Amino acid sequence: MSDREWHASQVQSALVGSAAAQSAVVASWSRSMRLYGLDPEDGAPPDVLTEAEFRQARERLGSLVQTAQASLDRLYSAVGGAGCCVLLADKDGVPVDRRGSAADDAVFCKMGLWTGAVWSEERAGTNGIGTTLAEQRALTIHRDQHFFSRNTALSCTVAPIFDHRGRLMAAIDVSSARSDLTEDFVKLIAFAVGEAARHVEAENFRLAFPKARIVLAQSATDPSQERSANALLAVDDDDLVIGASRSARHILGLTDEALSRPLPAADLLGQRKNVRQDYAMAERSVIQRALARTSGNISAAAMIMGISRATLHRKLKKLGLD
């Protein structure tokens, strides 16, 4: 029995019984064979988009391609020396950007680890990019965990990227064809890939709300809950929430419908006060900033606030700032 036939028999054996309910890999094998009608022994080369189709796929990602450049560079500098390539794929599993050593290009191109190849689970079976996108969570598909026998030399570690509305947008992949890739090194790769994806996601969120204040969210009902570095809220000048990342939506229970209405940030973050206190604090803050900008000069502060010196003195006394 050849290696290809042996792998196919392993896939088919795993699909007998309840293994698919216990393993994400076997569940993906099941989808590959039963839902998509794929054959693990299929040795056909990977599907590749036409030049026009690839250009459209890249354009659909918009500014994310540029936003991800620095993160892809840093990630490749960390893993490239170990014979790995780095890919940025869209939500359809098509790599639109890549980092890799010229010495490995021929091998990776033949395997389909190249821009324009199609790595969706529907077309390529169980694989790092496609299965991560299907599961919407970070995964490593290591060697014979792949569905197609032709991909069992690969080890692929992938993390998804979600857009500013919390919707799946892309994925970052580090792949290797080295047979001596250790489990510990795969864990380090997984950490690096996750960090890169989180950085791209956060930067994309900030760019989506250029005029907003970006704050880190924490559950108001459960302050002890671990805070996610990507649980971000976009807050406007009126202290109203105008955007929330996927992590923030999960922590705070936010939906598109909830975000379509005005939401005071203080209420979400457990800092709610009554309206009278809010008004007093806002007035106090404005006065304090005016005084700071004028180095404590009462007349100058009153002028930039558009009120008289006497009015400012009354407010200072009322607020206990005199």
C-alpha atoms as a PDB file:
ATOM      1  CA  MET A   1       0.000   0.000   0.000  1.00  0.00           C
ATOM      2  CA  SER A   2       1.416   3.361  -0.994  1.00  0.00           C
ATOM      3  CA  ASP A   3       1.632   6.298   1.424  1.00  0.00           C
ATOM      4  CA  ARG A   4      -1.215   7.977  -0.453  1.00  0.00           C
ATOM      5  CA  GLU A   5      -3.433   4.905  -0.173  1.00  0.00           C
ATOM      6  CA  TRP A   6      -2.539   4.439   3.501  1.00  0.00           C
ATOM      7  CA  HIS A   7      -3.509   8.015   4.313  1.00  0.00           C
ATOM      8  CA  ALA A   8      -6.812   7.653   2.448  1.00  0.00           C
ATOM      9  CA  SER A   9      -7.605   4.513   4.431  1.00  0.00           C
ATOM     10  CA  GLN A  10      -6.866   6.366   7.686  1.00  0.00           C
ATOM     11  CA  VAL A  11      -9.268   9.136   6.720  1.00  0.00           C
ATOM     12  CA  GLN A  12     -12.020   6.684   5.797  1.00  0.00           C
ATOM     13  CA  SER A  13     -11.524   4.632   8.983  1.00  0.00           C
ATOM     14  CA  ALA A  14     -11.767   7.751  11.158  1.00  0.00           C
ATOM     15  CA  LEU A  15     -15.153   8.613   9.680  1.00  0.00           C
ATOM     16  CA  VAL A  16     -16.698   5.416  11.032  1.00  0.00           C
ATOM     17  CA  GLY A  17     -18.373   5.978  14.406  1.00  0.00           C
ATOM     18  CA  SER A  18     -18.522   9.137  16.516  1.00  0.00           C
ATOM     19  CA  ALA A  19     -14.973  10.432  16.056  1.00  0.00           C
ATOM     20  CA  ALA A  20     -16.177  13.441  14.058  1.00  0.00           C
ATOM     21  CA  ALA A  21     -18.050  14.716  17.107  1.00  0.00           C
ATOM     22  CA  GLN A  22     -14.876  14.608  19.208  1.00  0.00           C
ATOM     23  CA  SER A  23     -12.227  15.924  16.838  1.00  0.00           C
ATOM     24  CA  ALA A  24     -12.143  19.133  14.803  1.00  0.00           C
ATOM     25  CA  VAL A  25      -9.848  17.428  12.294  1.00  0.00           C
ATOM     26  CA  VAL A  26     -12.115  14.410  11.800  1.00  0.00           C
ATOM     27  CA  ALA A  27     -15.140  16.703  11.594  1.00  0.00           C
ATOM     28  CA  SER A  28     -13.356  18.541   8.802  1.00  0.00           C
ATOM     29  CA  TRP A  29     -12.480  15.242   7.097  1.00  0.00           C
ATOM     30  CA  SER A  30     -16.174  14.379   7.262  1.00  0.00           C
ATOM     31  CA  ARG A  31     -17.164  17.678   5.647  1.00  0.00           C
ATOM     32  CA  SER A  32     -14.481  17.207   2.990  1.00  0.00           C
ATOM     33  CA  MET A  33     -15.692  13.766   1.983  1.00  0.00           C
ATOM     34  CA  ARG A  34     -19.417  13.805   2.677  1.00  0.00           C
ATOM     35  CA  LEU A  35     -20.368  17.439   2.146  1.00  0.00           C
ATOM     36  CA  TYR A  36     -17.919  18.450  -0.572  1.00  0.00           C
ATOM     37  CA  GLY A  37     -17.506  15.026  -2.206  1.00  0.00           C
ATOM     38  CA  LEU A  38     -13.702  15.137  -2.212  1.00  0.00           C
ATOM     39  CA  ASP A  39     -11.419  12.115  -2.555  1.00  0.00           C
ATOM     40  CA  PRO A  40      -8.339  12.023  -0.270  1.00  0.00           C
ATOM     41  CA  GLU A  41      -6.341  10.264  -3.023  1.00  0.00           C
ATOM     42  CA  ASP A  42      -7.017  12.989  -5.573  1.00  0.00           C
ATOM     43  CA  GLY A  43      -3.572  14.030  -6.781  1.00  0.00           C
ATOM     44  CA  ALA A  44      -4.653  16.936  -8.972  1.00  0.00           C
ATOM     45  CA  PRO A  45      -2.717  20.176  -8.440  1.00  0.00           C
ATOM     46  CA  PRO A  46      -4.370  22.948  -6.384  1.00  0.00           C
ATOM     47  CA  ASP A  47      -6.907  25.170  -8.079  1.00  0.00           C
ATOM     48  CA  VAL A  48      -5.477  28.572  -9.019  1.00  0.00           C
ATOM     49  CA  LEU A  49      -7.379  31.761  -9.840  1.00  0.00           C
ATOM     50  CA  THR A  50      -6.937  33.510 -13.141  1.00  0.00           C
ATOM     51  CA  GLU A  51      -5.024  36.772 -13.099  1.00  0.00           C
ATOM     52  CA  ALA A  52      -8.277  38.755 -13.294  1.00  0.00           C
ATOM     53  CA  GLU A  53      -9.887  36.711 -10.499  1.00  0.00           C
ATOM     54  CA  PHE A  54      -6.819  37.160  -8.301  1.00  0.00           C
ATOM     55  CA  ARG A  55      -6.795  40.909  -8.860  1.00  0.00           C
ATOM     56  CA  GLN A  56     -10.456  41.084  -7.829  1.00  0.00           C
ATOM     57  CA  ALA A  57      -9.800  38.980  -4.708  1.00  0.00           C
ATOM     58  CA  ARG A  58      -6.985  41.306  -3.660  1.00  0.00           C
ATOM     59  CA  GLU A  59      -9.095  44.387  -4.316  1.00  0.00           C
ATOM     60  CA  ARG A  60     -11.945  42.980  -2.192  1.00  0.00           C
ATOM     61  CA  LEU A  61      -9.660  42.974   0.839  1.00  0.00           C
ATOM     62  CA  GLY A  62      -9.121  46.692   0.341  1.00  0.00           C
ATOM     63  CA  SER A  63      -6.746  48.447   2.689  1.00  0.00           C
ATOM     64  CA  LEU A  64      -6.192  45.347   4.842  1.00  0.00           C
ATOM     65  CA  VAL A  65      -3.441  44.181   2.481  1.00  0.00           C
ATOM     66  CA  GLN A  66      -1.478  47.350   3.175  1.00  0.00           C
ATOM     67  CA  THR A  67      -2.367  47.361   6.864  1.00  0.00           C
ATOM     68  CA  ALA A  68      -0.935  43.851   7.246  1.00  0.00           C
ATOM     69  CA  GLN A  69       2.436  44.557   5.586  1.00  0.00           C
ATOM     70  CA  ALA A  70       4.448  45.332   8.727  1.00  0.00           C
ATOM     71  CA  SER A  71       2.966  42.380  10.644  1.00  0.00           C
ATOM     72  CA  LEU A  72       3.726  39.974   7.790  1.00  0.00           C
ATOM     73  CA  ASP A  73       7.294  41.266   7.640  1.00  0.00           C
ATOM     74  CA  ARG A  74       7.812  40.809  11.381  1.00  0.00           C
ATOM     75  CA  LEU A  75       6.276  37.341  11.319  1.00  0.00           C
ATOM     76  CA  TYR A  76       8.447  36.232   8.407  1.00  0.00           C
ATOM     77  CA  SER A  77      11.581  37.565  10.093  1.00  0.00           C
ATOM     78  CA  ALA A  78      10.740  35.293  13.044  1.00  0.00           C
ATOM     79  CA  VAL A  79       9.944  32.081  11.131  1.00  0.00           C
ATOM     80  CA  GLY A  80      11.459  32.447   7.671  1.00  0.00           C
ATOM     81  CA  GLY A  81      14.852  31.144   8.743  1.00  0.00           C
ATOM     82  CA  ALA A  82      13.229  27.830   9.695  1.00  0.00           C
ATOM     83  CA  GLY A  83      12.035  27.203   6.148  1.00  0.00           C
ATOM     84  CA  CYS A  84       8.536  28.595   6.599  1.00  0.00           C
ATOM     85  CA  CYS A  85       6.510  30.832   4.304  1.00  0.00           C
ATOM     86  CA  VAL A  86       3.914  33.379   5.422  1.00  0.00           C
ATOM     87  CA  LEU A  87       0.590  33.911   3.652  1.00  0.00           C
ATOM     88  CA  LEU A  88      -2.242  36.419   4.003  1.00  0.00           C
ATOM     89  CA  ALA A  89      -5.442  34.800   2.696  1.00  0.00           C
ATOM     90  CA  ASP A  90      -8.884  36.283   2.130  1.00  0.00           C
ATOM     91  CA  LYS A  91     -12.068  34.830   3.637  1.00  0.00           C
ATOM     92  CA  ASP A  92     -12.431  32.530   0.599  1.00  0.00           C
ATOM     93  CA  GLY A  93      -9.072  30.893   1.344  1.00  0.00           C
ATOM     94  CA  VAL A  94      -7.086  32.588  -1.440  1.00  0.00           C
ATOM     95  CA  PRO A  95      -3.618  33.883  -0.468  1.00  0.00           C
ATOM     96  CA  VAL A  96      -3.283  37.469  -1.699  1.00  0.00           C
ATOM     97  CA  ASP A  97       0.135  38.241  -0.219  1.00  0.00           C
ATOM     98  CA  ARG A  98       3.148  36.128   0.647  1.00  0.00           C
ATOM     99  CA  ARG A  99       6.582  36.070   2.258  1.00  0.00           C
ATOM    100  CA  GLY A 100       9.098  33.314   1.559  1.00  0.00           C
ATOM    101  CA  SER A 101      12.697  32.468   0.737  1.00  0.00           C
ATOM    102  CA  ALA A 102      13.617  32.345  -2.944  1.00  0.00           C
ATOM    103  CA  ALA A 103      15.387  29.054  -2.235  1.00  0.00           C
ATOM    104  CA  ASP A 104      12.055  27.454  -1.254  1.00  0.00           C
ATOM    105  CA  ASP A 105       9.873  29.096  -3.895  1.00  0.00           C
ATOM    106  CA  ALA A 106       9.836  26.182  -6.321  1.00  0.00           C
ATOM    107  CA  VAL A 107       8.756  23.689  -3.631  1.00  0.00           C
ATOM    108  CA  PHE A 108       6.067  25.934  -2.159  1.00  0.00           C
ATOM    109  CA  CYS A 109       4.742  26.989  -5.566  1.00  0.00           C
ATOM    110  CA  LYS A 110       4.343  23.338  -6.597  1.00  0.00           C
ATOM    111  CA  MET A 111       2.452  22.618  -3.364  1.00  0.00           C
ATOM    112  CA  GLY A 112       0.131  25.576  -3.890  1.00  0.00           C
ATOM    113  CA  LEU A 113       1.497  27.741  -1.086  1.00  0.00           C
ATOM    114  CA  TRP A 114       1.376  30.701  -3.409  1.00  0.00           C
ATOM    115  CA  THR A 115      -0.753  33.725  -4.139  1.00  0.00           C
ATOM    116  CA  GLY A 116      -3.856  32.917  -6.153  1.00  0.00           C
ATOM    117  CA  ALA A 117      -4.129  29.267  -5.068  1.00  0.00           C
ATOM    118  CA  VAL A 118      -7.481  28.240  -3.577  1.00  0.00           C
ATOM    119  CA  TRP A 119      -7.274  26.778  -0.057  1.00  0.00           C
ATOM    120  CA  SER A 120     -10.933  26.857   0.928  1.00  0.00           C
ATOM    121  CA  GLU A 121     -12.007  23.681   2.723  1.00  0.00           C
ATOM    122  CA  GLU A 122     -14.582  23.095  -0.009  1.00  0.00           C
ATOM    123  CA  ARG A 123     -11.885  22.940  -2.695  1.00  0.00           C
ATOM    124  CA  ALA A 124      -8.789  21.737  -0.804  1.00  0.00           C
ATOM    125  CA  GLY A 125     -10.286  19.631   1.975  1.00  0.00           C
ATOM    126  CA  THR A 126      -8.936  19.810   5.512  1.00  0.00           C
ATOM    127  CA  ASN A 127      -6.037  22.286   5.566  1.00  0.00           C
ATOM    128  CA  GLY A 128      -4.776  25.096   7.755  1.00  0.00           C
ATOM    129  CA  ILE A 129      -6.293  28.048   5.905  1.00  0.00           C
ATOM    130  CA  GLY A 130      -9.570  26.459   4.830  1.00  0.00           C
ATOM    131  CA  THR A 131     -10.364  24.742   8.127  1.00  0.00           C
ATOM    132  CA  THR A 132      -9.450  27.813  10.183  1.00  0.00           C
ATOM    133  CA  LEU A 133     -11.869  29.853   8.065  1.00  0.00           C
ATOM    134  CA  ALA A 134     -14.558  27.170   8.388  1.00  0.00           C
ATOM    135  CA  GLU A 135     -14.116  26.934  12.173  1.00  0.00           C
ATOM    136  CA  GLN A 136     -13.392  30.670  12.612  1.00  0.00           C
ATOM    137  CA  ARG A 137     -10.654  29.940  15.129  1.00  0.00           C
ATOM    138  CA  ALA A 138      -6.884  29.495  15.176  1.00  0.00           C
ATOM    139  CA  LEU A 139      -5.722  26.001  14.209  1.00  0.00           C
ATOM    140  CA  THR A 140      -2.687  23.979  13.236  1.00  0.00           C
ATOM    141  CA  ILE A 141      -3.185  21.262  10.628  1.00  0.00           C
ATOM    142  CA  HIS A 142      -0.044  19.165  10.891  1.00  0.00           C
ATOM    143  CA  ARG A 143       1.096  16.829   8.132  1.00  0.00           C
ATOM    144  CA  ASP A 144      -1.260  13.794   7.945  1.00  0.00           C
ATOM    145  CA  GLN A 145      -4.111  15.782   9.500  1.00  0.00           C
ATOM    146  CA  HIS A 146      -4.622  17.200   5.986  1.00  0.00           C
ATOM    147  CA  PHE A 147      -7.402  15.587   3.973  1.00  0.00           C
ATOM    148  CA  PHE A 148      -5.607  15.199   0.672  1.00  0.00           C
ATOM    149  CA  SER A 149      -2.705  12.757   0.710  1.00  0.00           C
ATOM    150  CA  ARG A 150      -0.766  15.168  -1.502  1.00  0.00           C
ATOM    151  CA  ASN A 151      -0.666  17.739   1.349  1.00  0.00           C
ATOM    152  CA  THR A 152       0.583  15.466   4.155  1.00  0.00           C
ATOM    153  CA  ALA A 153       4.123  16.883   3.937  1.00  0.00           C
ATOM    154  CA  LEU A 154       2.818  20.271   5.108  1.00  0.00           C
ATOM    155  CA  SER A 155       2.400  21.779   8.543  1.00  0.00           C
ATOM    156  CA  CYS A 156       0.159  24.862   8.526  1.00  0.00           C
ATOM    157  CA  THR A 157      -0.602  27.161  11.454  1.00  0.00           C
ATOM    158  CA  VAL A 158      -3.300  29.759  10.879  1.00  0.00           C
ATOM    159  CA  ALA A 159      -5.200  32.466  12.789  1.00  0.00           C
ATOM    160  CA  PRO A 160      -8.332  34.273  11.535  1.00  0.00           C
ATOM    161  CA  ILE A 161      -8.684  38.045  11.222  1.00  0.00           C
ATOM    162  CA  PHE A 162     -12.057  39.696  11.896  1.00  0.00           C
ATOM    163  CA  ASP A 163     -13.070  43.106  10.583  1.00  0.00           C
ATOM    164  CA  HIS A 164     -14.234  46.126  12.586  1.00  0.00           C
ATOM    165  CA  ARG A 165     -17.782  44.710  12.668  1.00  0.00           C
ATOM    166  CA  GLY A 166     -16.651  41.346  14.025  1.00  0.00           C
ATOM    167  CA  ARG A 167     -17.044  39.495  10.729  1.00  0.00           C
ATOM    168  CA  LEU A 168     -14.526  37.051   9.300  1.00  0.00           C
ATOM    169  CA  MET A 169     -12.275  38.900   6.892  1.00  0.00           C
ATOM    170  CA  ALA A 170      -8.993  37.059   6.329  1.00  0.00           C
ATOM    171  CA  ALA A 171      -6.398  34.744   7.846  1.00  0.00           C
ATOM    172  CA  ILE A 172      -2.648  34.653   8.407  1.00  0.00           C
ATOM    173  CA  ASP A 173      -0.851  31.378   7.727  1.00  0.00           C
ATOM    174  CA  VAL A 174       2.639  30.053   8.396  1.00  0.00           C
ATOM    175  CA  SER A 175       3.370  26.861   6.466  1.00  0.00           C
ATOM    176  CA  SER A 176       6.353  24.546   6.363  1.00  0.00           C
ATOM    177  CA  ALA A 177       7.269  21.421   4.412  1.00  0.00           C
ATOM    178  CA  ARG A 178      10.104  20.444   6.771  1.00  0.00           C
ATOM    179  CA  SER A 179       9.861  16.952   8.248  1.00  0.00           C
ATOM    180  CA  ASP A 180      11.885  17.909  11.342  1.00  0.00           C
ATOM    181  CA  LEU A 181       9.459  20.576  12.584  1.00  0.00           C
ATOM    182  CA  THR A 182       9.143  19.908  16.332  1.00  0.00           C
ATOM    183  CA  GLU A 183       5.976  20.225  18.398  1.00  0.00           C
ATOM    184  CA  ASP A 184       7.539  22.949  20.551  1.00  0.00           C
ATOM    185  CA  PHE A 185       8.454  25.007  17.509  1.00  0.00           C
ATOM    186  CA  VAL A 186       4.926  24.616  16.139  1.00  0.00           C
ATOM    187  CA  LYS A 187       3.647  26.050  19.434  1.00  0.00           C
ATOM    188  CA  LEU A 188       5.968  29.056  19.060  1.00  0.00           C
ATOM    189  CA  ILE A 189       4.732  29.548  15.506  1.00  0.00           C
ATOM    190  CA  ALA A 190       1.124  29.401  16.732  1.00  0.00           C
ATOM    191  CA  PHE A 191       1.829  32.135  19.278  1.00  0.00           C
ATOM    192  CA  ALA A 192       3.551  34.335  16.690  1.00  0.00           C
ATOM    193  CA  VAL A 193       0.755  33.852  14.146  1.00  0.00           C
ATOM    194  CA  GLY A 194      -1.882  34.694  16.760  1.00  0.00           C
ATOM    195  CA  GLU A 195      -0.042  37.870  17.768  1.00  0.00           C
ATOM    196  CA  ALA A 196       0.301  38.952  14.131  1.00  0.00           C
ATOM    197  CA  ALA A 197      -3.403  38.388  13.451  1.00  0.00           C
ATOM    198  CA  ARG A 198      -4.406  40.333  16.581  1.00  0.00           C
ATOM    199  CA  HIS A 199      -2.134  43.219  15.626  1.00  0.00           C
ATOM    200  CA  VAL A 200      -3.556  43.424  12.095  1.00  0.00           C
ATOM    201  CA  GLU A 201      -7.104  43.206  13.464  1.00  0.00           C
ATOM    202  CA  ALA A 202      -6.511  46.001  15.997  1.00  0.00           C
ATOM    203  CA  GLU A 203      -4.835  48.278  13.454  1.00  0.00           C
ATOM    204  CA  ASN A 204      -7.650  47.693  10.972  1.00  0.00           C
ATOM    205  CA  PHE A 205     -10.191  48.550  13.692  1.00  0.00           C
ATOM    206  CA  ARG A 206      -8.422  51.830  14.499  1.00  0.00           C
ATOM    207  CA  LEU A 207      -8.289  52.783  10.828  1.00  0.00           C
ATOM    208  CA  ALA A 208     -12.030  52.108  10.493  1.00  0.00           C
ATOM    209  CA  PHE A 209     -12.727  54.770  13.160  1.00  0.00           C
ATOM    210  CA  PRO A 210     -10.015  57.410  12.552  1.00  0.00           C
ATOM    211  CA  LYS A 211     -11.704  60.173  14.546  1.00  0.00           C
ATOM    212  CA  ALA A 212     -12.808  58.037  17.502  1.00  0.00           C
ATOM    213  CA  ARG A 213     -11.155  57.350  20.827  1.00  0.00           C
ATOM    214  CA  ILE A 214     -10.232  53.661  21.054  1.00  0.00           C
ATOM    215  CA  VAL A 215     -10.659  52.081  24.490  1.00  0.00           C
ATOM    216  CA  LEU A 216     -10.141  48.582  25.836  1.00  0.00           C
ATOM    217  CA  ALA A 217     -13.411  46.939  26.858  1.00  0.00           C
ATOM    218  CA  GLN A 218     -14.101  45.024  30.046  1.00  0.00           C
ATOM    219  CA  SER A 219     -17.323  43.432  31.185  1.00  0.00           C
ATOM    220  CA  ALA A 220     -19.283  45.705  33.541  1.00  0.00           C
ATOM    221  CA  THR A 221     -21.164  42.751  35.002  1.00  0.00           C
ATOM    222  CA  ASP A 222     -18.062  40.598  35.494  1.00  0.00           C
ATOM    223  CA  PRO A 223     -14.958  42.794  36.012  1.00  0.00           C
ATOM    224  CA  SER A 224     -12.936  39.689  36.939  1.00  0.00           C
ATOM    225  CA  GLN A 225     -13.338  38.343  33.408  1.00  0.00           C
ATOM    226  CA  GLU A 226     -10.015  38.204  31.587  1.00  0.00           C
ATOM    227  CA  ARG A 227      -9.595  41.252  29.381  1.00  0.00           C
ATOM    228  CA  SER A 228      -8.741  40.620  25.733  1.00  0.00           C
ATOM    229  CA  ALA A 229      -6.130  42.824  24.081  1.00  0.00           C
ATOM    230  CA  ASN A 230      -8.425  43.018  21.058  1.00  0.00           C
ATOM    231  CA  ALA A 231     -11.624  43.861  22.933  1.00  0.00           C
ATOM    232  CA  LEU A 232     -11.801  47.359  21.485  1.00  0.00           C
ATOM    233  CA  LEU A 233     -14.503  50.021  21.504  1.00  0.00           C
ATOM    234  CA  ALA A 234     -14.609  53.101  19.278  1.00  0.00           C
ATOM    235  CA  VAL A 235     -16.020  56.060  21.232  1.00  0.00           C
ATOM    236  CA  ASP A 236     -16.977  59.429  19.704  1.00  0.00           C
ATOM    237  CA  ASP A 237     -16.678  62.948  21.156  1.00  0.00           C
ATOM    238  CA  ASP A 238     -20.041  62.533  22.917  1.00  0.00           C
ATOM    239  CA  ASP A 239     -18.747  59.418  24.707  1.00  0.00           C
ATOM    240  CA  LEU A 240     -21.065  57.214  22.655  1.00  0.00           C
ATOM    241  CA  VAL A 241     -19.908  53.842  21.356  1.00  0.00           C
ATOM    242  CA  ILE A 242     -19.874  53.794  17.552  1.00  0.00           C
ATOM    243  CA  GLY A 243     -17.988  50.527  17.006  1.00  0.00           C
ATOM    244  CA  ALA A 244     -16.915  47.316  18.739  1.00  0.00           C
ATOM    245  CA  SER A 245     -14.461  44.596  17.774  1.00  0.00           C
ATOM    246  CA  ARG A 246     -15.438  40.935  17.769  1.00  0.00           C
ATOM    247  CA  SER A 247     -13.840  40.365  21.196  1.00  0.00           C
ATOM    248  CA  ALA A 248     -15.605  43.400  22.662  1.00  0.00           C
ATOM    249  CA  ARG A 249     -18.925  42.236  21.232  1.00  0.00           C
ATOM    250  CA  HIS A 250     -18.423  38.850  22.872  1.00  0.00           C
ATOM    251  CA  ILE A 251     -17.409  40.264  26.262  1.00  0.00           C
ATOM    252  CA  LEU A 252     -20.174  42.884  26.369  1.00  0.00           C
ATOM    253  CA  GLY A 253     -22.900  40.945  24.560  1.00  0.00           C
ATOM    254  CA  LEU A 254     -23.168  43.527  21.772  1.00  0.00           C
ATOM    255  CA  THR A 255     -24.930  42.974  18.454  1.00  0.00           C
ATOM    256  CA  ASP A 256     -25.271  45.057  15.295  1.00  0.00           C
ATOM    257  CA  GLU A 257     -28.762  45.985  16.462  1.00  0.00           C
ATOM    258  CA  ALA A 258     -27.493  47.191  19.843  1.00  0.00           C
ATOM    259  CA  LEU A 259     -24.742  49.234  18.192  1.00  0.00           C
ATOM    260  CA  SER A 260     -27.254  50.872  15.844  1.00  0.00           C
ATOM    261  CA  ARG A 261     -28.585  52.818  18.859  1.00  0.00           C
ATOM    262  CA  PRO A 262     -26.692  55.417  20.942  1.00  0.00           C
ATOM    263  CA  LEU A 263     -24.751  53.599  23.679  1.00  0.00           C
ATOM    264  CA  PRO A 264     -22.968  55.623  26.381  1.00  0.00           C
ATOM    265  CA  ALA A 265     -19.492  54.140  26.858  1.00  0.00           C
ATOM    266  CA  ALA A 266     -19.658  54.694  30.611  1.00  0.00           C
ATOM    267  CA  ASP A 267     -22.737  52.478  30.856  1.00  0.00           C
ATOM    268  CA  LEU A 268     -21.046  49.623  29.007  1.00  0.00           C
ATOM    269  CA  LEU A 269     -17.838  49.893  31.012  1.00  0.00           C
ATOM    270  CA  GLY A 270     -19.500  49.948  34.432  1.00  0.00           C
ATOM    271  CA  GLN A 271     -18.817  53.652  35.032  1.00  0.00           C
ATOM    272  CA  ARG A 272     -22.419  54.794  34.910  1.00  0.00           C
ATOM    273  CA  LYS A 273     -23.416  57.831  36.963  1.00  0.00           C
ATOM    274  CA  ASN A 274     -26.654  59.778  37.152  1.00  0.00           C
ATOM    275  CA  VAL A 275     -27.199  62.571  34.637  1.00  0.00           C
ATOM    276  CA  ARG A 276     -26.579  65.318  37.178  1.00  0.00           C
ATOM    277  CA  GLN A 277     -23.209  63.843  38.154  1.00  0.00           C
ATOM    278  CA  ASP A 278     -22.314  63.379  34.498  1.00  0.00           C
ATOM    279  CA  TYR A 279     -23.108  67.003  33.729  1.00  0.00           C
ATOM    280  CA  ALA A 280     -21.104  68.288  36.688  1.00  0.00           C
ATOM    281  CA  MET A 281     -18.113  66.129  35.807  1.00  0.00           C
ATOM    282  CA  ALA A 282     -18.250  67.201  32.166  1.00  0.00           C
ATOM    283  CA  GLU A 283     -18.385  70.880  33.137  1.00  0.00           C
ATOM    284  CA  ARG A 284     -15.544  70.402  35.610  1.00  0.00           C
ATOM    285  CA  SER A 285     -13.416  68.678  32.962  1.00  0.00           C
ATOM    286  CA  VAL A 286     -13.976  71.470  30.426  1.00  0.00           C
ATOM    287  CA  ILE A 287     -12.962  74.106  32.961  1.00  0.00           C
ATOM    288  CA  GLN A 288      -9.923  72.143  34.096  1.00  0.00           C
ATOM    289  CA  ARG A 289      -8.719  71.770  30.505  1.00  0.00           C
ATOM    290  CA  ALA A 290      -9.250  75.482  29.797  1.00  0.00           C
ATOM    291  CA  LEU A 291      -7.234  76.421  32.889  1.00  0.00           C
ATOM    292  CA  ALA A 292      -4.475  73.969  31.966  1.00  0.00           C
ATOM    293  CA  ARG A 293      -4.240  75.454  28.462  1.00  0.00           C
ATOM    294  CA  THR A 294      -3.932  78.977  29.849  1.00  0.00           C
ATOM    295  CA  SER A 295      -1.572  78.051  32.710  1.00  0.00           C
ATOM    296  CA  GLY A 296      -4.238  78.971  35.273  1.00  0.00           C
ATOM    297  CA  ASN A 297      -5.020  82.417  33.821  1.00  0.00           C
ATOM    298  CA  ILE A 298      -8.691  83.012  34.722  1.00  0.00           C
ATOM    299  CA  SER A 299      -9.312  85.742  32.170  1.00  0.00           C
ATOM    300  CA  ALA A 300      -7.730  83.790  29.320  1.00  0.00           C
ATOM    301  CA  ALA A 301      -9.608  80.608  30.302  1.00  0.00           C
ATOM    302  CA  ALA A 302     -12.919  82.503  30.356  1.00  0.00           C
ATOM    303  CA  MET A 303     -12.165  83.968  26.936  1.00  0.00           C
ATOM    304  CA  ILE A 304     -11.488  80.625  25.229  1.00  0.00           C
ATOM    305  CA  MET A 305     -14.628  79.197  26.867  1.00  0.00           C
ATOM    306  CA  GLY A 306     -16.731  82.113  25.600  1.00  0.00           C
ATOM    307  CA  ILE A 307     -17.953  83.188  29.059  1.00  0.00           C
ATOM    308  CA  SER A 308     -17.253  86.163  31.303  1.00  0.00           C
ATOM    309  CA  ARG A 309     -14.582  86.159  33.985  1.00  0.00           C
ATOM    310  CA  ALA A 310     -17.300  86.614  36.643  1.00  0.00           C
ATOM    311  CA  THR A 311     -19.237  83.594  35.323  1.00  0.00           C
ATOM    312  CA  LEU A 312     -16.102  81.466  35.423  1.00  0.00           C
ATOM    313  CA  HIS A 313     -15.407  82.549  39.017  1.00  0.00           C
ATOM    314  CA  ARG A 314     -18.944  81.470  40.005  1.00  0.00           C
ATOM    315  CA  LYS A 315     -18.490  78.099  38.334  1.00  0.00           C
ATOM    316  CA  LEU A 316     -15.116  77.592  40.002  1.00  0.00           C
ATOM    317  CA  LYS A 317     -16.645  78.261  43.393  1.00  0.00           C
ATOM    318  CA  LYS A 318     -19.630  76.004  42.689  1.00  0.00           C
ATOM    319  CA  LEU A 319     -17.361  73.130  41.635  1.00  0.00           C
ATOM    320  CA  GLY A 320     -14.940  73.625  44.498  1.00  0.00           C
ATOM    321  CA  LEU A 321     -12.113  74.703  42.217  1.00  0.00           C
ATOM    322  CA  ASP A 322     -11.664  78.235  43.535  1.00  0.00           C
END
